[in-house]
Amino acid sequence: MRKTPKKYFNSNQLSIVKQAVSISEDVVNDHFRLTLASWKKYRYDIRTLKDLTPEEIVRDAFAQIKRYGRPAPPDGLRQQDFFRICIQDHNILTAQERESNLGLLPLLTYVITHELVHVIRFYRYDQSFQADERALAAEESLVHQLTYDLLKSITLAELSTILDYYAAHRQMVY
């Protein structure tokens, strides 16, 4: 069986990723009232498909978060968590081929904002990174609602289409 080649973002699309990250960080910063010092506590990075390891690549999501541990600093007592937001270019580009009304900037803004909200919630212990299916489903619904709340007043072409697309995801699942 032949593997389907992966679709990677081109340089123009990577520029849009950077725009989406900037917008997302701003709205998350404003919502959670983060200072520059507190932002530094939330250790994360964002990578696209070309920089992901095989275990960071999934077939059924636009992004995922992986948690890694860094060794404790010399004066620290425990290892520090580090989160990686893994953007799945191939899934996003395939969805765009299927749905012509999915603009890349609004979609990435939604996806990255959603994942940043998770990161903040994990660091604040509002949600455990490892939880049972029911708790994870409830967390996903809550984070979709928070993402909607953060983005609903943003002026960005086609963002309302994305917010409408995720409306069902904001319903609590128990």
N, C-alpha and C. Protein backbone atom coordinates (compact mmCIF):
# COMPACT_ATOMS: atom_id res chain seq x y z
N MET A 1 0.84 -1.18 0.00
CA MET A 1 0.00 0.00 0.00
C MET A 1 0.89 1.25 0.00
N ARG A 2 0.58 2.17 -0.88
CA ARG A 2 1.36 3.38 -1.02
C ARG A 2 0.88 4.46 -0.07
N LYS A 3 1.79 5.14 0.56
CA LYS A 3 1.44 6.24 1.46
C LYS A 3 1.09 7.48 0.65
N THR A 4 0.06 8.20 1.10
CA THR A 4 -0.30 9.46 0.48
C THR A 4 0.70 10.52 0.96
N PRO A 5 1.26 11.29 0.02
CA PRO A 5 2.22 12.32 0.47
C PRO A 5 1.53 13.35 1.35
N LYS A 6 2.25 13.81 2.34
CA LYS A 6 1.72 14.81 3.26
C LYS A 6 1.72 16.18 2.58
N LYS A 7 0.72 16.97 2.94
CA LYS A 7 0.61 18.32 2.42
C LYS A 7 1.15 19.28 3.48
N TYR A 8 2.12 20.09 3.09
CA TYR A 8 2.73 21.04 4.01
C TYR A 8 2.32 22.46 3.62
N PHE A 9 2.28 23.35 4.60
CA PHE A 9 2.04 24.75 4.32
C PHE A 9 3.19 25.30 3.48
N ASN A 10 2.86 26.14 2.51
CA ASN A 10 3.90 26.81 1.73
C ASN A 10 4.30 28.09 2.47
N SER A 11 5.22 28.86 1.90
CA SER A 11 5.72 30.04 2.61
C SER A 11 4.63 31.09 2.85
N ASN A 12 3.71 31.27 1.90
CA ASN A 12 2.60 32.21 2.12
C ASN A 12 1.70 31.73 3.25
N GLN A 13 1.42 30.45 3.28
CA GLN A 13 0.57 29.89 4.34
C GLN A 13 1.27 29.96 5.70
N LEU A 14 2.58 29.77 5.73
CA LEU A 14 3.32 29.90 7.00
C LEU A 14 3.27 31.33 7.51
N SER A 15 3.24 32.28 6.60
CA SER A 15 3.08 33.68 7.00
C SER A 15 1.71 33.89 7.65
N ILE A 16 0.70 33.23 7.13
CA ILE A 16 -0.65 33.30 7.71
C ILE A 16 -0.67 32.64 9.09
N VAL A 17 0.09 31.55 9.26
CA VAL A 17 0.21 30.91 10.58
C VAL A 17 0.75 31.93 11.58
N LYS A 18 1.76 32.67 11.21
CA LYS A 18 2.34 33.67 12.11
C LYS A 18 1.31 34.74 12.47
N GLN A 19 0.53 35.18 11.50
CA GLN A 19 -0.53 36.16 11.78
C GLN A 19 -1.53 35.59 12.77
N ALA A 20 -1.94 34.35 12.55
CA ALA A 20 -2.92 33.72 13.43
C ALA A 20 -2.37 33.57 14.84
N VAL A 21 -1.11 33.22 14.96
CA VAL A 21 -0.48 33.10 16.29
C VAL A 21 -0.52 34.45 16.99
N SER A 22 -0.19 35.50 16.28
CA SER A 22 -0.19 36.85 16.86
C SER A 22 -1.58 37.24 17.35
N ILE A 23 -2.58 37.03 16.52
CA ILE A 23 -3.96 37.35 16.90
C ILE A 23 -4.38 36.51 18.11
N SER A 24 -4.10 35.22 18.05
CA SER A 24 -4.50 34.30 19.12
C SER A 24 -3.84 34.65 20.44
N GLU A 25 -2.54 34.92 20.41
CA GLU A 25 -1.85 35.28 21.64
C GLU A 25 -2.42 36.57 22.23
N ASP A 26 -2.75 37.52 21.37
CA ASP A 26 -3.33 38.77 21.86
C ASP A 26 -4.67 38.56 22.55
N VAL A 27 -5.57 37.79 21.92
CA VAL A 27 -6.90 37.61 22.53
C VAL A 27 -6.82 36.77 23.80
N VAL A 28 -5.94 35.78 23.82
CA VAL A 28 -5.77 34.96 25.03
C VAL A 28 -5.15 35.81 26.13
N ASN A 29 -4.16 36.61 25.77
CA ASN A 29 -3.52 37.51 26.73
C ASN A 29 -4.55 38.46 27.35
N ASP A 30 -5.37 39.07 26.50
CA ASP A 30 -6.38 40.01 27.00
C ASP A 30 -7.39 39.31 27.89
N HIS A 31 -7.86 38.15 27.49
CA HIS A 31 -8.90 37.45 28.25
C HIS A 31 -8.40 37.01 29.63
N PHE A 32 -7.22 36.42 29.66
CA PHE A 32 -6.68 35.90 30.91
C PHE A 32 -5.86 36.94 31.67
N ARG A 33 -5.78 38.16 31.13
CA ARG A 33 -5.05 39.28 31.75
C ARG A 33 -3.62 38.87 32.13
N LEU A 34 -2.90 38.40 31.14
CA LEU A 34 -1.54 37.92 31.39
C LEU A 34 -0.54 39.05 31.24
N THR A 35 0.35 39.13 32.18
CA THR A 35 1.46 40.07 32.08
C THR A 35 2.59 39.36 31.33
N LEU A 36 3.59 40.12 30.93
CA LEU A 36 4.73 39.52 30.25
C LEU A 36 5.38 38.47 31.16
N ALA A 37 5.48 38.77 32.43
CA ALA A 37 6.09 37.81 33.37
C ALA A 37 5.26 36.54 33.50
N SER A 38 3.94 36.68 33.54
CA SER A 38 3.12 35.47 33.68
C SER A 38 3.10 34.67 32.38
N TRP A 39 3.20 35.33 31.24
CA TRP A 39 3.26 34.61 29.96
C TRP A 39 4.45 33.67 29.96
N LYS A 40 5.55 34.10 30.57
CA LYS A 40 6.76 33.28 30.58
C LYS A 40 6.58 31.98 31.36
N LYS A 41 5.61 31.95 32.28
CA LYS A 41 5.33 30.72 33.04
C LYS A 41 4.72 29.65 32.16
N TYR A 42 4.03 30.08 31.11
CA TYR A 42 3.32 29.15 30.24
C TYR A 42 4.22 28.75 29.08
N ARG A 43 5.03 27.75 29.33
CA ARG A 43 6.01 27.32 28.34
C ARG A 43 5.34 26.47 27.27
N TYR A 44 5.41 26.96 26.03
CA TYR A 44 4.84 26.23 24.90
C TYR A 44 5.54 26.66 23.63
N ASP A 45 5.41 25.86 22.62
CA ASP A 45 5.79 26.30 21.28
C ASP A 45 4.75 25.79 20.31
N ILE A 46 4.80 26.32 19.11
CA ILE A 46 3.85 25.97 18.06
C ILE A 46 4.67 25.53 16.86
N ARG A 47 4.34 24.34 16.37
CA ARG A 47 5.06 23.82 15.21
C ARG A 47 4.08 23.35 14.15
N THR A 48 4.51 23.47 12.91
CA THR A 48 3.71 22.96 11.80
C THR A 48 4.27 21.60 11.37
N LEU A 49 3.59 20.98 10.46
CA LEU A 49 3.86 19.59 10.09
C LEU A 49 5.33 19.30 9.76
N LYS A 50 5.98 20.19 9.05
CA LYS A 50 7.36 19.90 8.63
C LYS A 50 8.30 19.73 9.81
N ASP A 51 7.94 20.27 10.98
CA ASP A 51 8.80 20.20 12.16
C ASP A 51 8.30 19.22 13.22
N LEU A 52 7.29 18.44 12.88
CA LEU A 52 6.73 17.50 13.86
C LEU A 52 7.41 16.13 13.75
N THR A 53 7.48 15.44 14.87
CA THR A 53 7.95 14.06 14.87
C THR A 53 6.77 13.16 14.50
N PRO A 54 7.03 11.93 14.10
CA PRO A 54 5.92 11.04 13.72
C PRO A 54 4.84 10.89 14.80
N GLU A 55 5.24 10.86 16.07
CA GLU A 55 4.23 10.69 17.13
C GLU A 55 3.42 11.97 17.39
N GLU A 56 3.83 13.08 16.81
CA GLU A 56 3.09 14.33 16.95
C GLU A 56 2.09 14.55 15.80
N ILE A 57 2.08 13.65 14.86
CA ILE A 57 1.21 13.77 13.69
C ILE A 57 -0.03 12.90 13.88
N VAL A 58 -1.20 13.50 13.63
CA VAL A 58 -2.46 12.76 13.73
C VAL A 58 -3.25 12.90 12.43
N ARG A 59 -4.19 12.00 12.25
CA ARG A 59 -4.98 11.99 11.01
C ARG A 59 -6.32 12.67 11.14
N ASP A 60 -6.77 12.94 12.36
CA ASP A 60 -8.16 13.35 12.53
C ASP A 60 -8.36 14.65 13.31
N ALA A 61 -7.38 15.53 13.29
CA ALA A 61 -7.52 16.80 14.01
C ALA A 61 -6.72 17.88 13.28
N PHE A 62 -7.10 19.13 13.51
CA PHE A 62 -6.36 20.26 12.93
C PHE A 62 -5.11 20.58 13.75
N ALA A 63 -5.14 20.19 15.02
CA ALA A 63 -3.99 20.43 15.90
C ALA A 63 -4.13 19.50 17.10
N GLN A 64 -3.04 19.31 17.78
CA GLN A 64 -3.06 18.59 19.05
C GLN A 64 -1.98 19.18 19.94
N ILE A 65 -2.13 18.92 21.23
CA ILE A 65 -1.13 19.36 22.20
C ILE A 65 -0.41 18.13 22.74
N LYS A 66 0.90 18.22 22.77
CA LYS A 66 1.71 17.19 23.41
C LYS A 66 2.37 17.83 24.62
N ARG A 67 2.47 17.06 25.68
CA ARG A 67 3.13 17.55 26.90
C ARG A 67 4.47 16.85 27.04
N TYR A 68 5.46 17.64 27.33
CA TYR A 68 6.81 17.12 27.55
C TYR A 68 7.30 17.64 28.89
N GLY A 69 8.21 16.93 29.49
CA GLY A 69 8.82 17.38 30.73
C GLY A 69 10.24 17.84 30.48
N ARG A 70 10.58 18.95 31.06
CA ARG A 70 11.96 19.42 31.02
C ARG A 70 12.57 19.17 32.39
N PRO A 71 13.85 18.87 32.43
CA PRO A 71 14.47 18.65 33.74
C PRO A 71 14.31 19.89 34.62
N ALA A 72 14.25 19.64 35.89
CA ALA A 72 14.12 20.74 36.85
C ALA A 72 15.36 21.62 36.79
N PRO A 73 15.18 22.93 36.96
CA PRO A 73 16.36 23.79 37.02
C PRO A 73 17.17 23.45 38.27
N PRO A 74 18.43 23.89 38.34
CA PRO A 74 19.28 23.55 39.47
C PRO A 74 18.66 23.87 40.83
N ASP A 75 17.90 24.94 40.91
CA ASP A 75 17.30 25.31 42.19
C ASP A 75 15.86 24.81 42.32
N GLY A 76 15.39 24.07 41.32
CA GLY A 76 14.00 23.58 41.34
C GLY A 76 13.90 22.18 41.91
N LEU A 77 12.71 21.84 42.34
CA LEU A 77 12.50 20.53 42.95
C LEU A 77 11.85 19.53 42.01
N ARG A 78 11.21 20.01 40.97
CA ARG A 78 10.53 19.07 40.09
C ARG A 78 10.67 19.50 38.64
N GLN A 79 10.43 18.53 37.79
CA GLN A 79 10.49 18.77 36.35
C GLN A 79 9.43 19.80 35.93
N GLN A 80 9.72 20.52 34.89
CA GLN A 80 8.79 21.53 34.40
C GLN A 80 8.07 21.00 33.16
N ASP A 81 6.76 21.25 33.09
CA ASP A 81 6.01 20.87 31.91
C ASP A 81 6.29 21.84 30.79
N PHE A 82 6.20 21.32 29.59
CA PHE A 82 6.36 22.10 28.38
C PHE A 82 5.35 21.56 27.39
N PHE A 83 4.58 22.43 26.77
CA PHE A 83 3.54 22.00 25.84
C PHE A 83 3.91 22.40 24.41
N ARG A 84 3.62 21.50 23.50
CA ARG A 84 3.83 21.78 22.08
C ARG A 84 2.48 21.70 21.37
N ILE A 85 2.14 22.77 20.69
CA ILE A 85 0.95 22.79 19.85
C ILE A 85 1.40 22.33 18.47
N CYS A 86 0.85 21.21 18.04
CA CYS A 86 1.24 20.58 16.79
C CYS A 86 0.17 20.84 15.73
N ILE A 87 0.44 21.76 14.83
CA ILE A 87 -0.49 22.11 13.77
C ILE A 87 -0.40 21.04 12.68
N GLN A 88 -1.54 20.54 12.27
CA GLN A 88 -1.60 19.46 11.29
C GLN A 88 -1.95 20.03 9.91
N ASP A 89 -0.93 20.53 9.23
CA ASP A 89 -1.11 21.19 7.92
C ASP A 89 -1.97 20.34 6.98
N HIS A 90 -1.61 19.06 6.87
CA HIS A 90 -2.27 18.17 5.92
C HIS A 90 -3.78 18.09 6.15
N ASN A 91 -4.20 18.06 7.40
CA ASN A 91 -5.64 17.99 7.71
C ASN A 91 -6.34 19.31 7.40
N ILE A 92 -5.67 20.41 7.69
CA ILE A 92 -6.25 21.73 7.43
C ILE A 92 -6.38 21.96 5.93
N LEU A 93 -5.32 21.64 5.18
CA LEU A 93 -5.36 21.84 3.73
C LEU A 93 -6.38 20.92 3.06
N THR A 94 -6.53 19.71 3.56
CA THR A 94 -7.54 18.79 3.02
C THR A 94 -8.94 19.34 3.30
N ALA A 95 -9.15 19.87 4.50
CA ALA A 95 -10.46 20.45 4.84
C ALA A 95 -10.76 21.65 3.95
N GLN A 96 -9.75 22.45 3.66
CA GLN A 96 -9.94 23.60 2.78
C GLN A 96 -10.29 23.17 1.36
N GLU A 97 -9.73 22.08 0.91
CA GLU A 97 -10.07 21.57 -0.42
C GLU A 97 -11.54 21.13 -0.46
N ARG A 98 -11.99 20.53 0.63
CA ARG A 98 -13.37 20.04 0.74
C ARG A 98 -14.37 21.17 0.90
N GLU A 99 -14.01 22.16 1.73
CA GLU A 99 -14.90 23.27 2.08
C GLU A 99 -14.27 24.58 1.63
N SER A 100 -14.71 25.09 0.53
CA SER A 100 -14.09 26.29 -0.04
C SER A 100 -14.27 27.54 0.82
N ASN A 101 -15.23 27.51 1.76
CA ASN A 101 -15.48 28.70 2.59
C ASN A 101 -14.63 28.73 3.87
N LEU A 102 -13.68 27.82 4.02
CA LEU A 102 -12.80 27.82 5.19
C LEU A 102 -11.56 28.65 4.89
N GLY A 103 -11.59 29.91 5.27
CA GLY A 103 -10.42 30.77 5.09
C GLY A 103 -9.31 30.34 6.04
N LEU A 104 -8.08 30.37 5.55
CA LEU A 104 -6.97 29.88 6.36
C LEU A 104 -6.72 30.72 7.61
N LEU A 105 -6.73 32.05 7.48
CA LEU A 105 -6.47 32.90 8.66
C LEU A 105 -7.53 32.72 9.74
N PRO A 106 -8.83 32.78 9.43
CA PRO A 106 -9.80 32.59 10.51
C PRO A 106 -9.77 31.17 11.09
N LEU A 107 -9.56 30.18 10.25
CA LEU A 107 -9.50 28.80 10.77
C LEU A 107 -8.30 28.63 11.69
N LEU A 108 -7.13 29.07 11.27
CA LEU A 108 -5.95 28.95 12.12
C LEU A 108 -6.08 29.78 13.39
N THR A 109 -6.70 30.95 13.29
CA THR A 109 -6.91 31.78 14.48
C THR A 109 -7.77 31.02 15.48
N TYR A 110 -8.82 30.38 15.01
CA TYR A 110 -9.68 29.60 15.90
C TYR A 110 -8.88 28.44 16.52
N VAL A 111 -8.22 27.68 15.68
CA VAL A 111 -7.50 26.48 16.14
C VAL A 111 -6.41 26.85 17.14
N ILE A 112 -5.62 27.86 16.84
CA ILE A 112 -4.52 28.23 17.73
C ILE A 112 -5.05 28.84 19.03
N THR A 113 -6.08 29.67 18.94
CA THR A 113 -6.68 30.22 20.16
C THR A 113 -7.19 29.09 21.04
N HIS A 114 -7.88 28.13 20.43
CA HIS A 114 -8.41 26.98 21.16
C HIS A 114 -7.28 26.24 21.90
N GLU A 115 -6.19 25.98 21.21
CA GLU A 115 -5.09 25.23 21.83
C GLU A 115 -4.39 26.06 22.91
N LEU A 116 -4.27 27.37 22.71
CA LEU A 116 -3.67 28.21 23.75
C LEU A 116 -4.54 28.25 25.01
N VAL A 117 -5.85 28.25 24.84
CA VAL A 117 -6.74 28.21 26.01
C VAL A 117 -6.49 26.91 26.78
N HIS A 118 -6.35 25.80 26.07
CA HIS A 118 -6.00 24.53 26.74
C HIS A 118 -4.71 24.68 27.53
N VAL A 119 -3.68 25.23 26.89
CA VAL A 119 -2.38 25.37 27.55
C VAL A 119 -2.51 26.16 28.85
N ILE A 120 -3.20 27.28 28.79
CA ILE A 120 -3.38 28.10 30.00
C ILE A 120 -4.13 27.30 31.06
N ARG A 121 -5.17 26.61 30.67
CA ARG A 121 -5.97 25.83 31.63
C ARG A 121 -5.14 24.69 32.24
N PHE A 122 -4.27 24.07 31.47
CA PHE A 122 -3.41 23.02 32.01
C PHE A 122 -2.44 23.60 33.04
N TYR A 123 -1.82 24.72 32.70
CA TYR A 123 -0.87 25.33 33.62
C TYR A 123 -1.53 25.84 34.89
N ARG A 124 -2.74 26.28 34.78
CA ARG A 124 -3.46 26.79 35.96
C ARG A 124 -4.16 25.67 36.74
N TYR A 125 -4.00 24.46 36.30
CA TYR A 125 -4.63 23.30 36.91
C TYR A 125 -6.15 23.39 36.90
N ASP A 126 -6.71 24.11 35.93
CA ASP A 126 -8.16 24.12 35.75
C ASP A 126 -8.61 22.80 35.15
N GLN A 127 -7.69 22.13 34.48
CA GLN A 127 -7.96 20.83 33.87
C GLN A 127 -6.67 20.03 33.86
N SER A 128 -6.78 18.76 34.18
CA SER A 128 -5.63 17.87 34.12
C SER A 128 -5.37 17.49 32.66
N PHE A 129 -4.10 17.41 32.28
CA PHE A 129 -3.77 17.00 30.92
C PHE A 129 -4.22 15.58 30.67
N GLN A 130 -4.14 14.76 31.70
CA GLN A 130 -4.59 13.37 31.58
C GLN A 130 -5.86 13.22 32.39
N ALA A 131 -6.95 12.94 31.71
CA ALA A 131 -8.24 12.79 32.37
C ALA A 131 -9.01 11.70 31.65
N ASP A 132 -10.11 11.27 32.27
CA ASP A 132 -10.91 10.25 31.62
C ASP A 132 -11.70 10.85 30.45
N GLU A 133 -12.29 9.98 29.64
CA GLU A 133 -12.99 10.43 28.43
C GLU A 133 -14.09 11.45 28.71
N ARG A 134 -14.83 11.23 29.75
CA ARG A 134 -15.94 12.14 30.08
C ARG A 134 -15.40 13.54 30.42
N ALA A 135 -14.37 13.58 31.24
CA ALA A 135 -13.78 14.87 31.62
C ALA A 135 -13.15 15.56 30.40
N LEU A 136 -12.52 14.78 29.53
CA LEU A 136 -11.93 15.37 28.33
C LEU A 136 -13.00 15.93 27.39
N ALA A 137 -14.12 15.22 27.26
CA ALA A 137 -15.21 15.70 26.42
C ALA A 137 -15.79 17.00 26.97
N ALA A 138 -15.98 17.05 28.28
CA ALA A 138 -16.50 18.26 28.92
C ALA A 138 -15.50 19.41 28.75
N GLU A 139 -14.21 19.12 28.88
CA GLU A 139 -13.17 20.13 28.71
C GLU A 139 -13.18 20.66 27.28
N GLU A 140 -13.29 19.77 26.32
CA GLU A 140 -13.31 20.20 24.91
C GLU A 140 -14.48 21.15 24.67
N SER A 141 -15.64 20.81 25.18
CA SER A 141 -16.82 21.65 25.01
C SER A 141 -16.60 23.02 25.66
N LEU A 142 -16.08 23.01 26.87
CA LEU A 142 -15.82 24.26 27.59
C LEU A 142 -14.80 25.13 26.84
N VAL A 143 -13.74 24.51 26.33
CA VAL A 143 -12.71 25.28 25.62
C VAL A 143 -13.26 25.81 24.29
N HIS A 144 -14.13 25.06 23.64
CA HIS A 144 -14.78 25.59 22.44
C HIS A 144 -15.63 26.82 22.80
N GLN A 145 -16.32 26.77 23.94
CA GLN A 145 -17.12 27.92 24.37
C GLN A 145 -16.22 29.11 24.69
N LEU A 146 -15.14 28.87 25.41
CA LEU A 146 -14.20 29.96 25.73
C LEU A 146 -13.58 30.55 24.46
N THR A 147 -13.24 29.69 23.52
CA THR A 147 -12.67 30.15 22.26
C THR A 147 -13.67 31.04 21.54
N TYR A 148 -14.92 30.63 21.51
CA TYR A 148 -15.98 31.43 20.90
C TYR A 148 -16.08 32.79 21.60
N ASP A 149 -16.10 32.77 22.93
CA ASP A 149 -16.21 34.01 23.70
C ASP A 149 -15.05 34.96 23.41
N LEU A 150 -13.86 34.42 23.26
CA LEU A 150 -12.69 35.25 22.99
C LEU A 150 -12.72 35.85 21.59
N LEU A 151 -13.26 35.09 20.63
CA LEU A 151 -13.16 35.50 19.23
C LEU A 151 -14.41 36.17 18.66
N LYS A 152 -15.54 36.06 19.34
CA LYS A 152 -16.80 36.54 18.74
C LYS A 152 -16.80 38.03 18.43
N SER A 153 -16.02 38.82 19.13
CA SER A 153 -16.01 40.26 18.88
C SER A 153 -14.84 40.70 17.99
N ILE A 154 -14.05 39.76 17.54
CA ILE A 154 -12.90 40.07 16.68
C ILE A 154 -13.40 40.34 15.25
N THR A 155 -12.89 41.39 14.65
CA THR A 155 -13.22 41.69 13.26
C THR A 155 -12.20 41.00 12.37
N LEU A 156 -12.64 39.91 11.75
CA LEU A 156 -11.77 39.13 10.87
C LEU A 156 -12.66 38.48 9.83
N ALA A 157 -12.38 38.75 8.58
CA ALA A 157 -13.20 38.19 7.49
C ALA A 157 -13.34 36.69 7.64
N GLU A 158 -14.54 36.20 7.47
CA GLU A 158 -14.88 34.77 7.48
C GLU A 158 -14.79 34.11 8.85
N LEU A 159 -14.47 34.86 9.89
CA LEU A 159 -14.39 34.24 11.22
C LEU A 159 -15.76 33.75 11.67
N SER A 160 -16.81 34.46 11.34
CA SER A 160 -18.16 34.03 11.75
C SER A 160 -18.49 32.66 11.16
N THR A 161 -18.00 32.36 9.96
CA THR A 161 -18.21 31.04 9.36
C THR A 161 -17.57 29.96 10.22
N ILE A 162 -16.38 30.22 10.69
CA ILE A 162 -15.66 29.26 11.54
C ILE A 162 -16.37 29.12 12.88
N LEU A 163 -16.79 30.23 13.48
CA LEU A 163 -17.51 30.18 14.76
C LEU A 163 -18.80 29.39 14.61
N ASP A 164 -19.51 29.58 13.51
CA ASP A 164 -20.73 28.81 13.25
C ASP A 164 -20.42 27.33 13.07
N TYR A 165 -19.32 27.05 12.39
CA TYR A 165 -18.93 25.66 12.15
C TYR A 165 -18.72 24.91 13.47
N TYR A 166 -18.16 25.58 14.45
CA TYR A 166 -17.87 24.93 15.74
C TYR A 166 -19.00 25.08 16.76
N ALA A 167 -20.15 25.61 16.37
CA ALA A 167 -21.25 25.82 17.31
C ALA A 167 -21.65 24.55 18.05
N ALA A 168 -21.77 23.47 17.34
CA ALA A 168 -22.17 22.20 17.98
C ALA A 168 -21.14 21.70 18.97
N HIS A 169 -19.90 22.07 18.78
CA HIS A 169 -18.84 21.64 19.70
C HIS A 169 -18.90 22.34 21.05
N ARG A 170 -19.67 23.42 21.11
CA ARG A 170 -19.79 24.16 22.36
C ARG A 170 -20.85 23.55 23.29
N GLN A 171 -21.58 22.59 22.82
CA GLN A 171 -22.61 21.92 23.63
C GLN A 171 -21.94 20.95 24.58
N MET A 172 -22.33 20.97 25.85
CA MET A 172 -21.72 20.08 26.84
C MET A 172 -22.04 18.62 26.53
N VAL A 173 -21.03 17.80 26.65
CA VAL A 173 -21.16 16.36 26.42
C VAL A 173 -20.86 15.67 27.75
N TYR A 174 -21.79 14.85 28.20
CA TYR A 174 -21.56 14.09 29.45
C TYR A 174 -21.70 12.62 29.21
